[in-house]
Protein backbone atom coordinates (compact mmCIF):
# COMPACT_ATOMS: atom_id res chain seq x y z
CA MET A 1 -37.39 23.62 12.35
CA ALA A 2 -35.75 21.08 14.73
CA LYS A 3 -37.89 18.22 13.12
CA LEU A 4 -36.95 19.30 9.60
CA LEU A 5 -33.30 19.35 10.42
CA ALA A 6 -33.61 15.94 12.00
CA ILE A 7 -35.25 14.57 8.78
CA VAL A 8 -32.68 16.08 6.48
CA LEU A 9 -29.90 14.66 8.72
CA MET A 10 -31.51 11.16 8.55
CA VAL A 11 -31.89 11.30 4.88
CA VAL A 12 -28.12 12.39 4.44
CA ALA A 13 -27.13 9.52 6.73
CA ILE A 14 -29.07 7.03 4.70
CA TRP A 15 -27.74 8.39 1.44
CA VAL A 16 -24.13 8.06 2.74
CA GLY A 17 -24.73 4.60 4.04
CA LEU A 18 -26.29 3.28 0.93
CA THR A 19 -23.48 4.69 -1.17
CA VAL A 20 -20.79 3.17 0.96
CA TYR A 21 -22.81 -0.16 1.11
CA THR A 22 -23.24 -0.26 -2.73
CA GLU A 23 -19.75 0.98 -3.76
CA GLY A 24 -17.53 0.08 -0.93
CA THR A 25 -15.32 2.18 1.10
CA ASP A 26 -12.66 2.34 -1.74
CA ARG A 27 -14.94 4.01 -4.45
CA ALA A 28 -17.49 5.82 -2.45
CA PHE A 29 -16.81 9.59 -2.42
CA GLY A 30 -13.42 9.10 -3.90
CA GLY A 31 -12.15 6.69 -1.24
CA LEU A 32 -12.95 9.17 1.72
CA PHE A 33 -13.87 6.26 4.07
CA ALA A 34 -11.04 3.93 2.78
CA GLY A 35 -8.87 2.58 5.52
CA SER A 36 -5.48 2.91 3.50
CA SER A 37 -4.52 5.32 0.72
CA ASP A 38 -3.05 2.41 -1.42
CA SER A 39 -4.23 3.37 -5.04
CA SER A 40 -2.72 0.23 -6.62
CA THR A 41 -5.41 -1.85 -4.77
CA LEU A 42 -8.18 0.45 -5.98
CA GLU A 43 -6.67 0.29 -9.62
CA ALA A 44 -6.51 -3.57 -9.51
CA THR A 45 -10.22 -3.96 -8.35
CA GLU A 46 -11.52 -1.52 -10.87
CA THR A 47 -10.05 -3.32 -13.87
CA ARG A 48 -11.17 -6.71 -13.01
CA SER A 49 -14.70 -8.09 -13.08
CA THR A 50 -16.60 -9.47 -10.13
CA GLY A 51 -16.37 -12.96 -11.63
CA GLU A 52 -12.72 -12.73 -11.94
CA ARG A 53 -12.17 -11.48 -8.35
CA ALA A 54 -14.53 -14.34 -7.08
CA GLY A 55 -12.66 -16.88 -9.23
CA ASP A 56 -9.28 -15.70 -7.64
CA ALA A 57 -10.81 -15.93 -4.08
CA LEU A 58 -11.90 -19.53 -4.85
CA GLN A 59 -8.64 -20.44 -6.20
CA ARG A 60 -6.82 -19.06 -3.07
CA ALA A 61 -9.26 -20.99 -0.77
CA TYR A 62 -8.61 -24.13 -2.76
CA ASP A 63 -4.84 -23.71 -2.58
CA VAL A 64 -5.05 -23.33 1.28
CA SER A 65 -7.16 -26.30 1.55
CA GLU A 66 -4.91 -28.39 -0.71
CA GLY A 67 -1.86 -27.28 1.23
CA ARG A 68 -3.59 -28.17 4.60
CA VAL A 69 -4.41 -31.77 3.18
CA ASP A 70 -0.78 -32.08 1.91
CA ARG A 71 0.58 -31.14 5.32
CA ALA A 72 -1.86 -33.71 7.06
CA VAL A 73 -0.87 -36.50 4.73
CA GLY A 74 2.72 -35.79 5.03
CA GLU A 75 2.60 -35.85 8.77
CA ALA A 76 0.87 -39.33 8.92
CA PRO A 77 3.11 -42.42 9.73
């Protein structure tokens, strides 16, 4: 009986882990494991495609890099 219970617990743990891995903490189990209860972030990520979010992340990284270069050039004598 103890072995059966251990197997069932392992299967449930794997299922929970895979669900959180594939859907993220905000979507898995209705946000049960989400760090914050900010629903606006959840709604914003649901309406945007993965490509759009990746494009925004790339643009933010580019802007940071461009700002860093501008500061370095501005400080040169």
